[in-house]
Amino acid sequence: MARYKVLERSCIDGIIFEEGEECDYDGLPSANLEPIDADAKKAAKTKQDLDAAADLAAANATPAV
């Protein structure tokens, strides 16, 4: 499981984490989580790639008429 440093007070999987604490998280991270280990860095890269693809799709979308 990926390990992250919490950057701001957050509720993750129903648990409140304070800024600076570390947590394990198995999903795609949001901006409130800083990757610590290789699994977390891989998940963050996947999230970044998905966000970029979504931005590109939105930019190329034909407006509805």
PDB file of N, CA and C in Angstrom:
ATOM      1  N   MET A   1       0.839  -1.174   0.000  1.00  0.00           N
ATOM      2  CA  MET A   1       0.000   0.000   0.000  1.00  0.00           C
ATOM      3  C   MET A   1       0.887   1.241   0.000  1.00  0.00           C
ATOM      4  N   ALA A   2       0.415   2.288  -0.660  1.00  0.00           N
ATOM      5  CA  ALA A   2       1.189   3.514  -0.807  1.00  0.00           C
ATOM      6  C   ALA A   2       1.180   4.328   0.494  1.00  0.00           C
ATOM      7  N   ARG A   3       2.295   4.992   0.756  1.00  0.00           N
ATOM      8  CA  ARG A   3       2.456   5.787   1.987  1.00  0.00           C
ATOM      9  C   ARG A   3       2.621   7.256   1.607  1.00  0.00           C
ATOM     10  N   TYR A   4       1.880   8.119   2.328  1.00  0.00           N
ATOM     11  CA  TYR A   4       1.877   9.549   2.034  1.00  0.00           C
ATOM     12  C   TYR A   4       2.078  10.379   3.294  1.00  0.00           C
ATOM     13  N   LYS A   5       2.584  11.595   3.100  1.00  0.00           N
ATOM     14  CA  LYS A   5       2.610  12.611   4.155  1.00  0.00           C
ATOM     15  C   LYS A   5       1.389  13.499   3.906  1.00  0.00           C
ATOM     16  N   VAL A   6       0.601  13.730   4.948  1.00  0.00           N
ATOM     17  CA  VAL A   6      -0.595  14.556   4.844  1.00  0.00           C
ATOM     18  C   VAL A   6      -0.179  16.026   4.927  1.00  0.00           C
ATOM     19  N   LEU A   7      -0.588  16.813   3.924  1.00  0.00           N
ATOM     20  CA  LEU A   7      -0.167  18.211   3.838  1.00  0.00           C
ATOM     21  C   LEU A   7      -1.129  19.178   4.517  1.00  0.00           C
ATOM     22  N   GLU A   8      -2.350  18.739   4.768  1.00  0.00           N
ATOM     23  CA  GLU A   8      -3.328  19.553   5.491  1.00  0.00           C
ATOM     24  C   GLU A   8      -4.317  18.615   6.166  1.00  0.00           C
ATOM     25  N   ARG A   9      -4.965  19.091   7.201  1.00  0.00           N
ATOM     26  CA  ARG A   9      -5.918  18.245   7.929  1.00  0.00           C
ATOM     27  C   ARG A   9      -6.884  17.608   6.939  1.00  0.00           C
ATOM     28  N   SER A  10      -7.007  16.283   6.984  1.00  0.00           N
ATOM     29  CA  SER A  10      -7.771  15.551   5.982  1.00  0.00           C
ATOM     30  C   SER A  10      -8.474  14.352   6.597  1.00  0.00           C
ATOM     31  N   CYS A  11      -9.608  14.004   6.005  1.00  0.00           N
ATOM     32  CA  CYS A  11     -10.304  12.780   6.360  1.00  0.00           C
ATOM     33  C   CYS A  11     -10.018  11.766   5.254  1.00  0.00           C
ATOM     34  N   ILE A  12      -9.307  10.717   5.600  1.00  0.00           N
ATOM     35  CA  ILE A  12      -8.899   9.709   4.628  1.00  0.00           C
ATOM     36  C   ILE A  12      -9.397   8.362   5.120  1.00  0.00           C
ATOM     37  N   ASP A  13     -10.238   7.745   4.316  1.00  0.00           N
ATOM     38  CA  ASP A  13     -10.841   6.460   4.685  1.00  0.00           C
ATOM     39  C   ASP A  13     -11.510   6.522   6.054  1.00  0.00           C
ATOM     40  N   GLY A  14     -12.176   7.659   6.330  1.00  0.00           N
ATOM     41  CA  GLY A  14     -12.927   7.810   7.570  1.00  0.00           C
ATOM     42  C   GLY A  14     -12.098   8.153   8.794  1.00  0.00           C
ATOM     43  N   ILE A  15     -10.815   8.431   8.606  1.00  0.00           N
ATOM     44  CA  ILE A  15      -9.928   8.762   9.722  1.00  0.00           C
ATOM     45  C   ILE A  15      -9.398  10.180   9.508  1.00  0.00           C
ATOM     46  N   ILE A  16      -9.417  10.999  10.570  1.00  0.00           N
ATOM     47  CA  ILE A  16      -8.883  12.353  10.486  1.00  0.00           C
ATOM     48  C   ILE A  16      -7.374  12.304  10.701  1.00  0.00           C
ATOM     49  N   PHE A  17      -6.634  12.875   9.756  1.00  0.00           N
ATOM     50  CA  PHE A  17      -5.184  12.997   9.859  1.00  0.00           C
ATOM     51  C   PHE A  17      -4.841  14.479   9.918  1.00  0.00           C
ATOM     52  N   GLU A  18      -3.916  14.816  10.793  1.00  0.00           N
ATOM     53  CA  GLU A  18      -3.453  16.192  10.916  1.00  0.00           C
ATOM     54  C   GLU A  18      -2.264  16.423   9.980  1.00  0.00           C
ATOM     55  N   GLU A  19      -2.045  17.694   9.649  1.00  0.00           N
ATOM     56  CA  GLU A  19      -0.915  18.063   8.805  1.00  0.00           C
ATOM     57  C   GLU A  19       0.381  17.484   9.378  1.00  0.00           C
ATOM     58  N   GLY A  20       1.178  16.871   8.506  1.00  0.00           N
ATOM     59  CA  GLY A  20       2.470  16.317   8.919  1.00  0.00           C
ATOM     60  C   GLY A  20       2.432  14.839   9.259  1.00  0.00           C
ATOM     61  N   GLU A  21       1.246  14.300   9.510  1.00  0.00           N
ATOM     62  CA  GLU A  21       1.144  12.868   9.802  1.00  0.00           C
ATOM     63  C   GLU A  21       1.327  12.071   8.514  1.00  0.00           C
ATOM     64  N   GLU A  22       1.614  10.797   8.675  1.00  0.00           N
ATOM     65  CA  GLU A  22       1.729   9.888   7.537  1.00  0.00           C
ATOM     66  C   GLU A  22       0.547   8.928   7.540  1.00  0.00           C
ATOM     67  N   CYS A  23       0.162   8.524   6.328  1.00  0.00           N
ATOM     68  CA  CYS A  23      -0.950   7.578   6.220  1.00  0.00           C
ATOM     69  C   CYS A  23      -0.703   6.632   5.047  1.00  0.00           C
ATOM     70  N   ASP A  24      -1.385   5.504   5.101  1.00  0.00           N
ATOM     71  CA  ASP A  24      -1.412   4.571   3.986  1.00  0.00           C
ATOM     72  C   ASP A  24      -2.708   4.823   3.227  1.00  0.00           C
ATOM     73  N   TYR A  25      -2.638   4.845   1.903  1.00  0.00           N
ATOM     74  CA  TYR A  25      -3.819   5.090   1.079  1.00  0.00           C
ATOM     75  C   TYR A  25      -3.661   4.321  -0.216  1.00  0.00           C
ATOM     76  N   ASP A  26      -4.733   3.635  -0.609  1.00  0.00           N
ATOM     77  CA  ASP A  26      -4.654   2.752  -1.766  1.00  0.00           C
ATOM     78  C   ASP A  26      -5.298   3.326  -3.027  1.00  0.00           C
ATOM     79  N   GLY A  27      -5.816   4.560  -2.960  1.00  0.00           N
ATOM     80  CA  GLY A  27      -6.445   5.170  -4.127  1.00  0.00           C
ATOM     81  C   GLY A  27      -5.509   6.145  -4.821  1.00  0.00           C
ATOM     82  N   LEU A  28      -6.093   6.907  -5.754  1.00  0.00           N
ATOM     83  CA  LEU A  28      -5.322   7.957  -6.415  1.00  0.00           C
ATOM     84  C   LEU A  28      -5.281   9.171  -5.490  1.00  0.00           C
ATOM     85  N   PRO A  29      -4.101   9.730  -5.251  1.00  0.00           N
ATOM     86  CA  PRO A  29      -3.965  10.804  -4.270  1.00  0.00           C
ATOM     87  C   PRO A  29      -4.455  12.156  -4.785  1.00  0.00           C
ATOM     88  N   SER A  30      -4.927  12.963  -3.848  1.00  0.00           N
ATOM     89  CA  SER A  30      -5.274  14.350  -4.136  1.00  0.00           C
ATOM     90  C   SER A  30      -4.088  15.227  -3.747  1.00  0.00           C
ATOM     91  N   ALA A  31      -4.260  16.522  -3.937  1.00  0.00           N
ATOM     92  CA  ALA A  31      -3.174  17.470  -3.662  1.00  0.00           C
ATOM     93  C   ALA A  31      -2.812  17.546  -2.181  1.00  0.00           C
ATOM     94  N   ASN A  32      -3.659  17.004  -1.310  1.00  0.00           N
ATOM     95  CA  ASN A  32      -3.379  17.043   0.128  1.00  0.00           C
ATOM     96  C   ASN A  32      -2.431  15.938   0.584  1.00  0.00           C
ATOM     97  N   LEU A  33      -1.991  15.093  -0.351  1.00  0.00           N
ATOM     98  CA  LEU A  33      -1.098  13.991  -0.004  1.00  0.00           C
ATOM     99  C   LEU A  33       0.209  14.082  -0.793  1.00  0.00           C
ATOM    100  N   GLU A  34       1.312  13.971  -0.077  1.00  0.00           N
ATOM    101  CA  GLU A  34       2.640  13.987  -0.694  1.00  0.00           C
ATOM    102  C   GLU A  34       3.190  12.557  -0.679  1.00  0.00           C
ATOM    103  N   PRO A  35       3.522  12.027  -1.866  1.00  0.00           N
ATOM    104  CA  PRO A  35       4.021  10.651  -1.922  1.00  0.00           C
ATOM    105  C   PRO A  35       5.334  10.482  -1.152  1.00  0.00           C
ATOM    106  N   ILE A  36       5.429   9.370  -0.430  1.00  0.00           N
ATOM    107  CA  ILE A  36       6.652   9.072   0.318  1.00  0.00           C
ATOM    108  C   ILE A  36       7.408   7.903  -0.316  1.00  0.00           C
ATOM    109  N   ASP A  37       6.693   6.820  -0.611  1.00  0.00           N
ATOM    110  CA  ASP A  37       7.370   5.622  -1.121  1.00  0.00           C
ATOM    111  C   ASP A  37       7.117   5.438  -2.626  1.00  0.00           C
ATOM    112  N   ALA A  38       7.707   4.398  -3.186  1.00  0.00           N
ATOM    113  CA  ALA A  38       7.617   4.146  -4.634  1.00  0.00           C
ATOM    114  C   ALA A  38       6.179   3.904  -5.080  1.00  0.00           C
ATOM    115  N   ASP A  39       5.390   3.185  -4.288  1.00  0.00           N
ATOM    116  CA  ASP A  39       3.993   2.942  -4.653  1.00  0.00           C
ATOM    117  C   ASP A  39       3.209   4.248  -4.716  1.00  0.00           C
ATOM    118  N   ALA A  40       3.450   5.132  -3.765  1.00  0.00           N
ATOM    119  CA  ALA A  40       2.759   6.421  -3.745  1.00  0.00           C
ATOM    120  C   ALA A  40       3.187   7.284  -4.927  1.00  0.00           C
ATOM    121  N   LYS A  41       4.459   7.266  -5.251  1.00  0.00           N
ATOM    122  CA  LYS A  41       4.951   8.049  -6.390  1.00  0.00           C
ATOM    123  C   LYS A  41       4.360   7.531  -7.696  1.00  0.00           C
ATOM    124  N   LYS A  42       4.207   6.235  -7.809  1.00  0.00           N
ATOM    125  CA  LYS A  42       3.602   5.645  -9.004  1.00  0.00           C
ATOM    126  C   LYS A  42       2.125   6.053  -9.099  1.00  0.00           C
ATOM    127  N   ALA A  43       1.406   6.029  -7.978  1.00  0.00           N
ATOM    128  CA  ALA A  43      -0.003   6.430  -7.970  1.00  0.00           C
ATOM    129  C   ALA A  43      -0.150   7.909  -8.305  1.00  0.00           C
ATOM    130  N   ALA A  44       0.752   8.735  -7.794  1.00  0.00           N
ATOM    131  CA  ALA A  44       0.706  10.174  -8.084  1.00  0.00           C
ATOM    132  C   ALA A  44       0.956  10.422  -9.567  1.00  0.00           C
ATOM    133  N   LYS A  45       1.860   9.681 -10.169  1.00  0.00           N
ATOM    134  CA  LYS A  45       2.142   9.812 -11.602  1.00  0.00           C
ATOM    135  C   LYS A  45       0.924   9.386 -12.414  1.00  0.00           C
ATOM    136  N   THR A  46       0.278   8.302 -12.023  1.00  0.00           N
ATOM    137  CA  THR A  46      -0.939   7.850 -12.702  1.00  0.00           C
ATOM    138  C   THR A  46      -2.012   8.931 -12.618  1.00  0.00           C
ATOM    139  N   LYS A  47      -2.192   9.519 -11.428  1.00  0.00           N
ATOM    140  CA  LYS A  47      -3.181  10.590 -11.247  1.00  0.00           C
ATOM    141  C   LYS A  47      -2.853  11.778 -12.138  1.00  0.00           C
ATOM    142  N   GLN A  48      -1.589  12.138 -12.200  1.00  0.00           N
ATOM    143  CA  GLN A  48      -1.139  13.257 -13.039  1.00  0.00           C
ATOM    144  C   GLN A  48      -1.431  12.968 -14.512  1.00  0.00           C
ATOM    145  N   ASP A  49      -1.158  11.760 -14.949  1.00  0.00           N
ATOM    146  CA  ASP A  49      -1.420  11.373 -16.340  1.00  0.00           C
ATOM    147  C   ASP A  49      -2.919  11.404 -16.652  1.00  0.00           C
ATOM    148  N   LEU A  50      -3.742  10.903 -15.735  1.00  0.00           N
ATOM    149  CA  LEU A  50      -5.195  10.911 -15.931  1.00  0.00           C
ATOM    150  C   LEU A  50      -5.738  12.340 -15.981  1.00  0.00           C
ATOM    151  N   ASP A  51      -5.227  13.202 -15.114  1.00  0.00           N
ATOM    152  CA  ASP A  51      -5.661  14.600 -15.118  1.00  0.00           C
ATOM    153  C   ASP A  51      -5.284  15.285 -16.430  1.00  0.00           C
ATOM    154  N   ALA A  52      -4.083  15.004 -16.929  1.00  0.00           N
ATOM    155  CA  ALA A  52      -3.637  15.594 -18.191  1.00  0.00           C
ATOM    156  C   ALA A  52      -4.503  15.116 -19.351  1.00  0.00           C
ATOM    157  N   ALA A  53      -4.847  13.839 -19.366  1.00  0.00           N
ATOM    158  CA  ALA A  53      -5.703  13.292 -20.421  1.00  0.00           C
ATOM    159  C   ALA A  53      -7.094  13.916 -20.363  1.00  0.00           C
ATOM    160  N   ALA A  54      -7.620  14.114 -19.169  1.00  0.00           N
ATOM    161  CA  ALA A  54      -8.940  14.738 -19.016  1.00  0.00           C
ATOM    162  C   ALA A  54      -8.911  16.188 -19.479  1.00  0.00           C
ATOM    163  N   ASP A  55      -7.839  16.900 -19.162  1.00  0.00           N
ATOM    164  CA  ASP A  55      -7.701  18.284 -19.613  1.00  0.00           C
ATOM    165  C   ASP A  55      -7.634  18.361 -21.135  1.00  0.00           C
ATOM    166  N   LEU A  56      -6.898  17.451 -21.738  1.00  0.00           N
ATOM    167  CA  LEU A  56      -6.781  17.418 -23.197  1.00  0.00           C
ATOM    168  C   LEU A  56      -8.128  17.101 -23.837  1.00  0.00           C
ATOM    169  N   ALA A  57      -8.839  16.147 -23.285  1.00  0.00           N
ATOM    170  CA  ALA A  57     -10.160  15.786 -23.813  1.00  0.00           C
ATOM    171  C   ALA A  57     -11.120  16.962 -23.718  1.00  0.00           C
ATOM    172  N   ALA A  58     -11.081  17.672 -22.611  1.00  0.00           N
ATOM    173  CA  ALA A  58     -11.955  18.835 -22.421  1.00  0.00           C
ATOM    174  C   ALA A  58     -11.601  19.951 -23.405  1.00  0.00           C
ATOM    175  N   ALA A  59     -10.327  20.140 -23.650  1.00  0.00           N
ATOM    176  CA  ALA A  59      -9.884  21.182 -24.584  1.00  0.00           C
ATOM    177  C   ALA A  59     -10.289  20.847 -26.021  1.00  0.00           C
ATOM    178  N   ASN A  60     -10.383  19.570 -26.341  1.00  0.00           N
ATOM    179  CA  ASN A  60     -10.725  19.147 -27.696  1.00  0.00           C
ATOM    180  C   ASN A  60     -12.208  18.847 -27.891  1.00  0.00           C
ATOM    181  N   ALA A  61     -12.988  19.001 -26.832  1.00  0.00           N
ATOM    182  CA  ALA A  61     -14.421  18.706 -26.917  1.00  0.00           C
ATOM    183  C   ALA A  61     -15.137  19.738 -27.787  1.00  0.00           C
ATOM    184  N   THR A  62     -16.070  19.271 -28.570  1.00  0.00           N
ATOM    185  CA  THR A  62     -16.881  20.151 -29.407  1.00  0.00           C
ATOM    186  C   THR A  62     -18.035  20.684 -28.560  1.00  0.00           C
ATOM    187  N   PRO A  63     -18.190  22.005 -28.501  1.00  0.00           N
ATOM    188  CA  PRO A  63     -19.288  22.531 -27.694  1.00  0.00           C
ATOM    189  C   PRO A  63     -20.646  22.104 -28.230  1.00  0.00           C
ATOM    190  N   ALA A  64     -21.571  21.853 -27.331  1.00  0.00           N
ATOM    191  CA  ALA A  64     -22.931  21.475 -27.728  1.00  0.00           C
ATOM    192  C   ALA A  64     -23.638  22.689 -28.312  1.00  0.00           C
ATOM    193  N   VAL A  65     -24.437  22.457 -29.330  1.00  0.00           N
ATOM    194  CA  VAL A  65     -25.163  23.559 -29.966  1.00  0.00           C
ATOM    195  C   VAL A  65     -26.635  23.404 -29.732  1.00  0.00           C
TER     196      VAL A  65
END
